[in-house]
């Protein structure tokens, strides 16, 4: 499974092939959940690819941080793949007994990393005006990685908008 965002071309210049991930209505975000069922979103501008990866293609690295599932050869570049839910403090781990796992390839400048998640839901324009500052109900381990909480206006739990830059640059990624 690969999510292709190429259909979201900018209206300002039809001759360019750039992806437009912001508008007056909000910011384009990728919604997903981790194995515990907690739902999150990442700005689509930082997500390079969404793919389904066979676990036997992820090479475990002995004595690495417990967050890491291993390394993966993504388009000729070796990148780390981590259990994003576990990194954020969830106690439910990605199920490594299944054949495949959904991986979000996230990039920020020179840093590229894969985040294993349970399910990728969809992309959605989030109205930035409805994003509230993180409240005290967010676990301490997760608080510095949450930009804000998006009020869905329904009976579903609020959606936590993550800061991919803070996650990628975290000091917790010790090998």
N, C-alpha and C. Protein backbone atom coordinates (compact mmCIF):
# COMPACT_ATOMS: atom_id res chain seq x y z
N UNK A 1 0.85 -1.17 0.00
CA UNK A 1 0.00 0.00 0.00
C UNK A 1 0.89 1.23 0.00
N UNK A 2 0.70 2.11 -0.95
CA UNK A 2 1.46 3.34 -1.03
C UNK A 2 0.47 4.48 -1.19
N UNK A 3 0.62 5.52 -0.39
CA UNK A 3 -0.24 6.69 -0.48
C UNK A 3 0.47 7.70 -1.35
N UNK A 4 -0.18 8.11 -2.43
CA UNK A 4 0.41 9.06 -3.35
C UNK A 4 -0.33 10.37 -3.23
N UNK A 5 0.38 11.44 -2.87
CA UNK A 5 -0.24 12.74 -2.69
C UNK A 5 -0.11 13.62 -3.92
N UNK A 6 0.31 13.06 -5.06
CA UNK A 6 0.55 13.86 -6.26
C UNK A 6 -0.71 14.51 -6.83
N UNK A 7 -1.87 14.02 -6.48
CA UNK A 7 -3.10 14.60 -7.02
C UNK A 7 -3.43 15.94 -6.37
N UNK A 8 -2.69 16.33 -5.34
CA UNK A 8 -2.94 17.59 -4.65
C UNK A 8 -2.02 18.68 -5.18
N UNK A 9 -2.08 18.94 -6.46
CA UNK A 9 -1.18 19.94 -7.04
C UNK A 9 -1.67 21.33 -6.72
N UNK A 10 -0.74 22.26 -6.69
CA UNK A 10 -1.03 23.64 -6.36
C UNK A 10 -1.88 24.27 -7.47
N UNK A 11 -2.90 25.06 -7.08
CA UNK A 11 -3.76 25.75 -8.05
C UNK A 11 -3.11 27.04 -8.54
N UNK A 12 -2.14 27.57 -7.78
CA UNK A 12 -1.55 28.85 -8.14
C UNK A 12 -0.77 28.79 -9.44
N UNK A 13 -0.09 27.70 -9.67
CA UNK A 13 0.71 27.54 -10.89
C UNK A 13 0.48 26.14 -11.43
N UNK A 14 -0.42 25.98 -12.39
CA UNK A 14 -0.76 24.65 -12.88
C UNK A 14 0.39 23.94 -13.57
N UNK A 15 1.46 24.67 -13.93
CA UNK A 15 2.58 24.03 -14.62
C UNK A 15 3.54 23.35 -13.65
N UNK A 16 3.43 23.63 -12.34
CA UNK A 16 4.32 22.99 -11.38
C UNK A 16 3.70 21.69 -10.92
N UNK A 17 4.53 20.84 -10.39
CA UNK A 17 4.07 19.55 -9.91
C UNK A 17 4.22 19.47 -8.40
N UNK A 18 4.22 20.63 -7.72
CA UNK A 18 4.40 20.65 -6.28
C UNK A 18 3.11 20.28 -5.58
N UNK A 19 3.26 19.60 -4.44
CA UNK A 19 2.11 19.22 -3.65
C UNK A 19 1.75 20.38 -2.73
N UNK A 20 0.49 20.76 -2.72
CA UNK A 20 0.02 21.81 -1.84
C UNK A 20 -0.54 21.17 -0.58
N UNK A 21 0.06 21.46 0.57
CA UNK A 21 -0.40 20.83 1.80
C UNK A 21 -0.95 21.83 2.79
N UNK A 22 -1.18 23.06 2.36
CA UNK A 22 -1.84 24.02 3.23
C UNK A 22 -2.80 24.85 2.40
N UNK A 23 -3.85 25.29 3.02
CA UNK A 23 -4.83 26.13 2.35
C UNK A 23 -5.48 27.02 3.39
N UNK A 24 -6.39 27.84 2.93
CA UNK A 24 -7.11 28.70 3.87
C UNK A 24 -7.96 27.88 4.82
N UNK A 25 -8.32 26.67 4.40
CA UNK A 25 -9.17 25.82 5.23
C UNK A 25 -8.40 25.03 6.28
N UNK A 26 -7.10 25.03 6.22
CA UNK A 26 -6.33 24.29 7.21
C UNK A 26 -5.09 23.66 6.63
N UNK A 27 -4.68 22.58 7.27
CA UNK A 27 -3.47 21.88 6.88
C UNK A 27 -3.82 20.43 6.57
N UNK A 28 -3.24 19.92 5.48
CA UNK A 28 -3.46 18.54 5.12
C UNK A 28 -2.68 17.65 6.06
N UNK A 29 -3.35 16.71 6.69
CA UNK A 29 -2.72 15.82 7.67
C UNK A 29 -3.06 14.37 7.35
N UNK A 30 -2.17 13.49 7.75
CA UNK A 30 -2.36 12.06 7.61
C UNK A 30 -2.81 11.51 8.96
N UNK A 31 -3.98 10.88 8.97
CA UNK A 31 -4.53 10.30 10.20
C UNK A 31 -4.15 8.83 10.29
N UNK A 32 -3.78 8.39 11.49
CA UNK A 32 -3.41 7.00 11.71
C UNK A 32 -3.61 6.66 13.17
N UNK A 33 -3.55 5.38 13.47
CA UNK A 33 -3.61 4.98 14.88
C UNK A 33 -2.48 4.01 15.19
N UNK A 34 -2.18 3.92 16.48
CA UNK A 34 -1.16 3.01 16.98
C UNK A 34 -1.88 1.81 17.57
N UNK A 35 -1.16 0.72 17.89
CA UNK A 35 -1.82 -0.51 18.34
C UNK A 35 -2.77 -0.36 19.54
N UNK A 36 -2.55 0.61 20.40
CA UNK A 36 -3.44 0.80 21.55
C UNK A 36 -4.77 1.40 21.15
N UNK A 37 -4.88 1.89 19.90
CA UNK A 37 -6.11 2.51 19.43
C UNK A 37 -6.08 4.02 19.48
N UNK A 38 -5.06 4.61 20.10
CA UNK A 38 -4.94 6.07 20.11
C UNK A 38 -4.75 6.57 18.69
N UNK A 39 -5.49 7.64 18.35
CA UNK A 39 -5.43 8.18 16.99
C UNK A 39 -4.62 9.46 16.97
N UNK A 40 -3.79 9.59 15.93
CA UNK A 40 -2.90 10.74 15.77
C UNK A 40 -2.97 11.25 14.34
N UNK A 41 -2.34 12.40 14.12
CA UNK A 41 -2.19 12.96 12.78
C UNK A 41 -0.81 13.59 12.68
N UNK A 42 -0.26 13.53 11.47
CA UNK A 42 1.00 14.20 11.14
C UNK A 42 0.74 15.10 9.95
N UNK A 43 1.36 16.28 9.91
CA UNK A 43 1.23 17.11 8.72
C UNK A 43 1.74 16.34 7.50
N UNK A 44 0.97 16.32 6.44
CA UNK A 44 1.34 15.57 5.24
C UNK A 44 2.61 16.10 4.59
N UNK A 45 2.95 17.34 4.86
CA UNK A 45 4.15 17.92 4.26
C UNK A 45 5.42 17.20 4.68
N UNK A 46 5.42 16.56 5.84
CA UNK A 46 6.60 15.85 6.31
C UNK A 46 6.60 14.37 6.01
N UNK A 47 5.46 13.85 5.53
CA UNK A 47 5.35 12.41 5.24
C UNK A 47 5.69 12.21 3.77
N UNK A 48 6.76 11.47 3.51
CA UNK A 48 7.20 11.23 2.13
C UNK A 48 6.47 10.06 1.50
N UNK A 49 6.15 9.06 2.29
CA UNK A 49 5.50 7.87 1.72
C UNK A 49 4.83 7.09 2.84
N UNK A 50 3.76 6.42 2.48
CA UNK A 50 3.10 5.49 3.37
C UNK A 50 3.13 4.15 2.68
N UNK A 51 3.64 3.16 3.37
CA UNK A 51 3.79 1.87 2.72
C UNK A 51 3.53 0.72 3.68
N UNK A 52 3.25 -0.41 3.10
CA UNK A 52 3.10 -1.64 3.86
C UNK A 52 4.40 -2.43 3.66
N UNK A 53 5.06 -2.74 4.78
CA UNK A 53 6.37 -3.38 4.73
C UNK A 53 6.29 -4.77 5.35
N UNK A 54 6.86 -5.76 4.66
CA UNK A 54 6.96 -7.09 5.23
C UNK A 54 7.99 -7.06 6.35
N UNK A 55 7.66 -7.68 7.47
CA UNK A 55 8.56 -7.66 8.62
C UNK A 55 9.91 -8.30 8.31
N UNK A 56 9.92 -9.29 7.40
CA UNK A 56 11.20 -9.92 7.10
C UNK A 56 12.13 -8.99 6.30
N UNK A 57 11.62 -7.83 5.86
CA UNK A 57 12.45 -6.84 5.15
C UNK A 57 13.07 -5.83 6.13
N UNK A 58 12.63 -5.86 7.38
CA UNK A 58 13.19 -5.00 8.42
C UNK A 58 14.26 -5.80 9.16
N UNK A 59 15.48 -5.32 9.12
CA UNK A 59 16.60 -6.02 9.73
C UNK A 59 16.77 -5.59 11.18
N UNK A 60 16.53 -6.52 12.13
CA UNK A 60 16.72 -6.15 13.54
C UNK A 60 18.18 -5.84 13.82
N UNK A 61 18.42 -4.90 14.72
CA UNK A 61 19.77 -4.52 15.12
C UNK A 61 19.92 -4.84 16.61
N UNK A 62 20.82 -5.76 16.95
CA UNK A 62 20.99 -6.12 18.36
C UNK A 62 21.45 -4.92 19.20
N UNK A 63 20.99 -4.88 20.43
CA UNK A 63 21.38 -3.86 21.42
C UNK A 63 20.97 -2.45 21.05
N UNK A 64 20.04 -2.29 20.11
CA UNK A 64 19.53 -0.96 19.76
C UNK A 64 18.44 -0.57 20.76
N UNK A 65 18.06 0.68 20.73
CA UNK A 65 16.99 1.17 21.58
C UNK A 65 15.75 0.30 21.39
N UNK A 66 15.00 0.07 22.45
CA UNK A 66 13.81 -0.77 22.33
C UNK A 66 12.73 -0.21 21.41
N UNK A 67 12.79 1.09 21.08
CA UNK A 67 11.83 1.69 20.16
C UNK A 67 12.03 1.20 18.74
N UNK A 68 13.26 0.83 18.40
CA UNK A 68 13.60 0.47 17.03
C UNK A 68 13.20 -0.96 16.70
N UNK A 69 12.54 -1.13 15.55
CA UNK A 69 12.27 -2.47 15.04
C UNK A 69 13.46 -2.96 14.23
N UNK A 70 14.22 -2.03 13.66
CA UNK A 70 15.40 -2.37 12.87
C UNK A 70 15.60 -1.37 11.75
N UNK A 71 16.35 -1.80 10.74
CA UNK A 71 16.61 -0.94 9.59
C UNK A 71 15.89 -1.49 8.36
N UNK A 72 15.66 -0.59 7.40
CA UNK A 72 14.93 -0.95 6.19
C UNK A 72 15.59 -0.23 5.01
N UNK A 73 15.70 -0.90 3.88
CA UNK A 73 16.25 -0.30 2.67
C UNK A 73 15.11 0.38 1.91
N UNK A 74 15.05 1.71 2.06
CA UNK A 74 14.01 2.50 1.40
C UNK A 74 14.62 3.24 0.23
N UNK A 75 14.31 2.80 -0.97
CA UNK A 75 14.78 3.43 -2.20
C UNK A 75 16.31 3.58 -2.23
N UNK A 76 17.00 2.55 -1.75
CA UNK A 76 18.45 2.54 -1.76
C UNK A 76 19.09 3.21 -0.57
N UNK A 77 18.30 3.74 0.33
CA UNK A 77 18.80 4.40 1.54
C UNK A 77 18.40 3.56 2.75
N UNK A 78 19.35 3.26 3.62
CA UNK A 78 19.05 2.49 4.83
C UNK A 78 18.53 3.44 5.89
N UNK A 79 17.31 3.18 6.37
CA UNK A 79 16.69 4.03 7.38
C UNK A 79 16.28 3.19 8.58
N UNK A 80 16.15 3.83 9.72
CA UNK A 80 15.63 3.18 10.91
C UNK A 80 14.12 3.13 10.84
N UNK A 81 13.54 2.03 11.36
CA UNK A 81 12.09 1.91 11.50
C UNK A 81 11.82 1.73 12.99
N UNK A 82 10.94 2.57 13.53
CA UNK A 82 10.64 2.54 14.95
C UNK A 82 9.15 2.34 15.19
N UNK A 83 8.83 1.78 16.33
CA UNK A 83 7.45 1.62 16.78
C UNK A 83 7.03 2.97 17.35
N UNK A 84 6.26 3.74 16.59
CA UNK A 84 5.89 5.09 17.00
C UNK A 84 5.05 5.08 18.27
N UNK A 85 4.14 4.15 18.39
CA UNK A 85 3.30 4.08 19.59
C UNK A 85 4.14 3.87 20.84
N UNK A 86 5.08 2.95 20.78
CA UNK A 86 5.95 2.69 21.92
C UNK A 86 6.78 3.93 22.25
N UNK A 87 7.29 4.60 21.23
CA UNK A 87 8.06 5.83 21.43
C UNK A 87 7.22 6.87 22.16
N UNK A 88 5.93 6.96 21.83
CA UNK A 88 5.05 7.94 22.45
C UNK A 88 4.53 7.52 23.81
N UNK A 89 4.96 6.36 24.29
CA UNK A 89 4.60 5.93 25.63
C UNK A 89 3.49 4.90 25.72
N UNK A 90 2.98 4.44 24.59
CA UNK A 90 1.95 3.39 24.63
C UNK A 90 2.57 2.07 25.07
N UNK A 91 1.82 1.31 25.80
CA UNK A 91 2.32 0.02 26.27
C UNK A 91 2.05 -1.11 25.28
N UNK A 92 1.13 -0.89 24.34
CA UNK A 92 0.81 -1.90 23.34
C UNK A 92 1.80 -1.76 22.18
N UNK A 93 2.52 -2.83 21.88
CA UNK A 93 3.55 -2.79 20.84
C UNK A 93 2.98 -3.17 19.48
N UNK A 94 3.68 -2.78 18.43
CA UNK A 94 3.32 -3.19 17.08
C UNK A 94 3.40 -4.72 17.03
N UNK A 95 2.40 -5.35 16.43
CA UNK A 95 2.34 -6.80 16.34
C UNK A 95 3.33 -7.31 15.30
N UNK A 96 4.44 -7.85 15.76
CA UNK A 96 5.46 -8.36 14.85
C UNK A 96 5.17 -9.79 14.39
N UNK A 97 4.07 -10.37 14.87
CA UNK A 97 3.70 -11.72 14.43
C UNK A 97 2.95 -11.70 13.10
N UNK A 98 2.47 -10.54 12.69
CA UNK A 98 1.79 -10.45 11.40
C UNK A 98 2.82 -10.34 10.28
N UNK A 99 2.41 -10.49 9.04
CA UNK A 99 3.33 -10.45 7.91
C UNK A 99 3.82 -9.05 7.58
N UNK A 100 2.91 -8.05 7.69
CA UNK A 100 3.22 -6.70 7.25
C UNK A 100 2.88 -5.69 8.33
N UNK A 101 3.48 -4.52 8.18
CA UNK A 101 3.18 -3.41 9.07
C UNK A 101 3.11 -2.13 8.22
N UNK A 102 2.23 -1.22 8.62
CA UNK A 102 2.15 0.08 7.95
C UNK A 102 3.29 0.95 8.45
N UNK A 103 4.03 1.56 7.52
CA UNK A 103 5.17 2.40 7.88
C UNK A 103 5.01 3.76 7.22
N UNK A 104 5.15 4.80 8.03
CA UNK A 104 5.14 6.17 7.53
C UNK A 104 6.59 6.59 7.37
N UNK A 105 6.99 6.95 6.17
CA UNK A 105 8.35 7.45 5.94
C UNK A 105 8.28 8.96 6.13
N UNK A 106 8.96 9.44 7.17
CA UNK A 106 8.91 10.84 7.56
C UNK A 106 10.28 11.46 7.35
N UNK A 107 10.28 12.69 6.82
CA UNK A 107 11.54 13.35 6.51
C UNK A 107 11.49 14.78 7.01
N UNK A 108 12.63 15.23 7.53
CA UNK A 108 12.80 16.62 7.94
C UNK A 108 14.24 16.96 7.67
N UNK A 109 14.47 17.78 6.67
CA UNK A 109 15.80 18.12 6.18
C UNK A 109 16.57 16.84 5.86
N UNK A 110 17.68 16.57 6.53
CA UNK A 110 18.50 15.40 6.20
C UNK A 110 18.06 14.14 6.96
N UNK A 111 17.12 14.25 7.87
CA UNK A 111 16.69 13.11 8.67
C UNK A 111 15.52 12.39 8.00
N UNK A 112 15.66 11.08 7.84
CA UNK A 112 14.59 10.25 7.29
C UNK A 112 14.43 9.05 8.21
N UNK A 113 13.18 8.74 8.55
CA UNK A 113 12.94 7.64 9.46
C UNK A 113 11.58 7.01 9.13
N UNK A 114 11.44 5.74 9.43
CA UNK A 114 10.17 5.05 9.26
C UNK A 114 9.49 4.86 10.60
N UNK A 115 8.20 5.17 10.65
CA UNK A 115 7.41 4.98 11.87
C UNK A 115 6.38 3.89 11.63
N UNK A 116 6.51 2.78 12.35
CA UNK A 116 5.53 1.70 12.25
C UNK A 116 4.30 2.07 13.07
N UNK A 117 3.13 1.94 12.44
CA UNK A 117 1.86 2.25 13.09
C UNK A 117 0.90 1.09 12.85
N UNK A 118 -0.22 1.12 13.53
CA UNK A 118 -1.19 0.03 13.39
C UNK A 118 -1.98 0.15 12.09
N UNK A 119 -2.66 1.28 11.91
CA UNK A 119 -3.50 1.49 10.74
C UNK A 119 -3.40 2.92 10.25
N UNK A 120 -3.33 3.11 8.95
CA UNK A 120 -3.38 4.44 8.36
C UNK A 120 -4.82 4.65 7.92
N UNK A 121 -5.44 5.72 8.41
CA UNK A 121 -6.85 5.96 8.13
C UNK A 121 -7.05 6.69 6.81
N UNK A 122 -6.58 7.94 6.73
CA UNK A 122 -6.79 8.76 5.54
C UNK A 122 -6.04 10.07 5.66
N UNK A 123 -6.16 10.91 4.64
CA UNK A 123 -5.67 12.28 4.74
C UNK A 123 -6.89 13.16 4.93
N UNK A 124 -6.67 14.24 5.65
CA UNK A 124 -7.80 15.12 5.97
C UNK A 124 -7.28 16.54 6.17
N UNK A 125 -8.05 17.51 5.70
CA UNK A 125 -7.73 18.91 5.96
C UNK A 125 -8.21 19.24 7.35
N UNK A 126 -7.29 19.63 8.23
CA UNK A 126 -7.65 20.00 9.60
C UNK A 126 -7.68 21.52 9.72
N UNK A 127 -8.77 22.02 10.22
CA UNK A 127 -8.93 23.45 10.45
C UNK A 127 -8.03 23.83 11.62
N UNK A 128 -6.98 24.59 11.34
CA UNK A 128 -5.99 24.95 12.35
C UNK A 128 -6.63 25.72 13.51
N UNK A 129 -7.71 26.45 13.24
CA UNK A 129 -8.38 27.19 14.31
C UNK A 129 -9.02 26.26 15.34
N UNK A 130 -9.24 25.01 14.97
CA UNK A 130 -9.82 24.04 15.91
C UNK A 130 -8.76 23.21 16.63
N UNK A 131 -7.48 23.52 16.38
CA UNK A 131 -6.40 22.83 17.08
C UNK A 131 -6.13 23.59 18.37
N UNK A 132 -6.30 22.91 19.48
CA UNK A 132 -6.13 23.51 20.79
C UNK A 132 -4.78 23.10 21.37
N UNK A 133 -4.22 23.90 22.28
CA UNK A 133 -2.96 23.51 22.92
C UNK A 133 -3.13 22.18 23.65
N UNK A 134 -2.04 21.40 23.74
CA UNK A 134 -2.14 20.11 24.45
C UNK A 134 -2.61 20.34 25.89
N UNK A 135 -3.52 19.51 26.34
CA UNK A 135 -4.03 19.66 27.71
C UNK A 135 -3.31 18.69 28.65
N UNK A 136 -3.70 18.74 29.87
CA UNK A 136 -3.01 17.89 30.86
C UNK A 136 -3.41 16.43 30.78
N UNK A 137 -4.37 16.07 29.94
CA UNK A 137 -4.76 14.67 29.79
C UNK A 137 -3.78 13.89 28.93
N UNK A 138 -2.86 14.59 28.31
CA UNK A 138 -1.86 13.93 27.47
C UNK A 138 -0.75 13.40 28.37
N UNK A 139 -0.39 12.12 28.23
CA UNK A 139 0.68 11.55 29.06
C UNK A 139 1.98 12.34 28.93
N UNK A 140 2.73 12.40 30.00
CA UNK A 140 3.98 13.17 30.04
C UNK A 140 4.96 12.74 28.96
N UNK A 141 5.07 11.42 28.71
CA UNK A 141 6.01 10.91 27.70
C UNK A 141 5.69 11.42 26.30
N UNK A 142 4.44 11.79 26.07
CA UNK A 142 3.97 12.20 24.75
C UNK A 142 3.90 13.72 24.59
N UNK A 143 3.82 14.43 25.69
CA UNK A 143 3.49 15.85 25.67
C UNK A 143 4.42 16.70 24.80
N UNK A 144 5.72 16.45 24.82
CA UNK A 144 6.63 17.30 24.04
C UNK A 144 6.57 17.01 22.54
N UNK A 145 5.82 15.99 22.13
CA UNK A 145 5.72 15.64 20.71
C UNK A 145 4.36 15.97 20.11
N UNK A 146 3.46 16.51 20.92
CA UNK A 146 2.11 16.84 20.46
C UNK A 146 2.03 18.35 20.26
N UNK A 147 1.75 18.77 19.00
CA UNK A 147 1.58 20.19 18.69
C UNK A 147 0.29 20.73 19.29
N UNK A 148 -0.73 19.90 19.20
CA UNK A 148 -2.04 20.33 19.68
C UNK A 148 -3.04 19.21 19.56
N UNK A 149 -4.24 19.50 20.01
CA UNK A 149 -5.32 18.52 19.98
C UNK A 149 -6.42 19.08 19.10
N UNK A 150 -6.84 18.29 18.13
CA UNK A 150 -7.87 18.70 17.19
C UNK A 150 -9.21 18.21 17.68
N UNK A 151 -10.12 19.13 17.88
CA UNK A 151 -11.46 18.79 18.33
C UNK A 151 -12.27 18.31 17.12
N UNK A 152 -12.65 17.04 17.14
CA UNK A 152 -13.38 16.47 16.01
C UNK A 152 -14.84 16.88 16.00
N UNK A 153 -15.34 17.34 17.13
CA UNK A 153 -16.73 17.77 17.19
C UNK A 153 -17.71 16.62 17.18
N UNK A 154 -17.22 15.41 17.38
CA UNK A 154 -18.10 14.24 17.41
C UNK A 154 -17.86 13.48 18.70
N UNK A 155 -18.46 12.31 18.81
CA UNK A 155 -18.28 11.51 20.01
C UNK A 155 -16.95 10.76 20.02
N UNK A 156 -16.20 10.85 18.92
CA UNK A 156 -14.88 10.23 18.85
C UNK A 156 -13.90 11.01 19.71
N UNK A 157 -12.87 10.35 20.22
CA UNK A 157 -11.86 11.08 20.99
C UNK A 157 -11.17 12.13 20.12
N UNK A 158 -10.63 13.13 20.78
CA UNK A 158 -9.93 14.17 20.05
C UNK A 158 -8.69 13.61 19.38
N UNK A 159 -8.31 14.22 18.29
CA UNK A 159 -7.18 13.79 17.48
C UNK A 159 -5.94 14.56 17.91
N UNK A 160 -4.86 13.86 18.19
CA UNK A 160 -3.61 14.51 18.60
C UNK A 160 -2.74 14.75 17.38
N UNK A 161 -2.40 16.01 17.17
CA UNK A 161 -1.56 16.42 16.04
C UNK A 161 -0.11 16.40 16.51
N UNK A 162 0.71 15.55 15.86
CA UNK A 162 2.10 15.38 16.27
C UNK A 162 3.03 16.35 15.56
N UNK A 163 4.16 16.61 16.19
CA UNK A 163 5.21 17.46 15.64
C UNK A 163 6.33 16.53 15.18
N UNK A 164 6.39 16.26 13.87
CA UNK A 164 7.37 15.30 13.35
C UNK A 164 8.80 15.78 13.55
N UNK A 165 9.03 17.08 13.54
CA UNK A 165 10.38 17.61 13.74
C UNK A 165 10.85 17.29 15.16
N UNK A 166 9.99 17.51 16.14
CA UNK A 166 10.35 17.20 17.53
C UNK A 166 10.59 15.71 17.71
N UNK A 167 9.81 14.88 17.03
CA UNK A 167 10.00 13.43 17.14
C UNK A 167 11.32 13.02 16.51
N UNK A 168 11.58 13.48 15.29
CA UNK A 168 12.82 13.09 14.60
C UNK A 168 14.07 13.58 15.33
N UNK A 169 13.99 14.73 15.93
CA UNK A 169 15.17 15.32 16.59
C UNK A 169 15.25 14.97 18.09
N UNK A 170 14.40 14.07 18.55
CA UNK A 170 14.38 13.70 19.96
C UNK A 170 15.69 13.04 20.41
N UNK A 171 16.07 13.33 21.63
CA UNK A 171 17.26 12.71 22.20
C UNK A 171 16.99 11.25 22.62
N UNK A 172 15.74 10.82 22.57
CA UNK A 172 15.40 9.44 22.92
C UNK A 172 15.89 8.43 21.89
N UNK A 173 16.25 8.89 20.69
CA UNK A 173 16.69 7.98 19.64
C UNK A 173 18.15 7.60 19.84
N UNK A 174 18.45 7.08 20.98
CA UNK A 174 19.82 6.60 21.21
C UNK A 174 19.92 5.16 20.75
N UNK A 175 21.00 4.86 20.10
CA UNK A 175 21.19 3.52 19.56
C UNK A 175 21.98 2.76 20.55
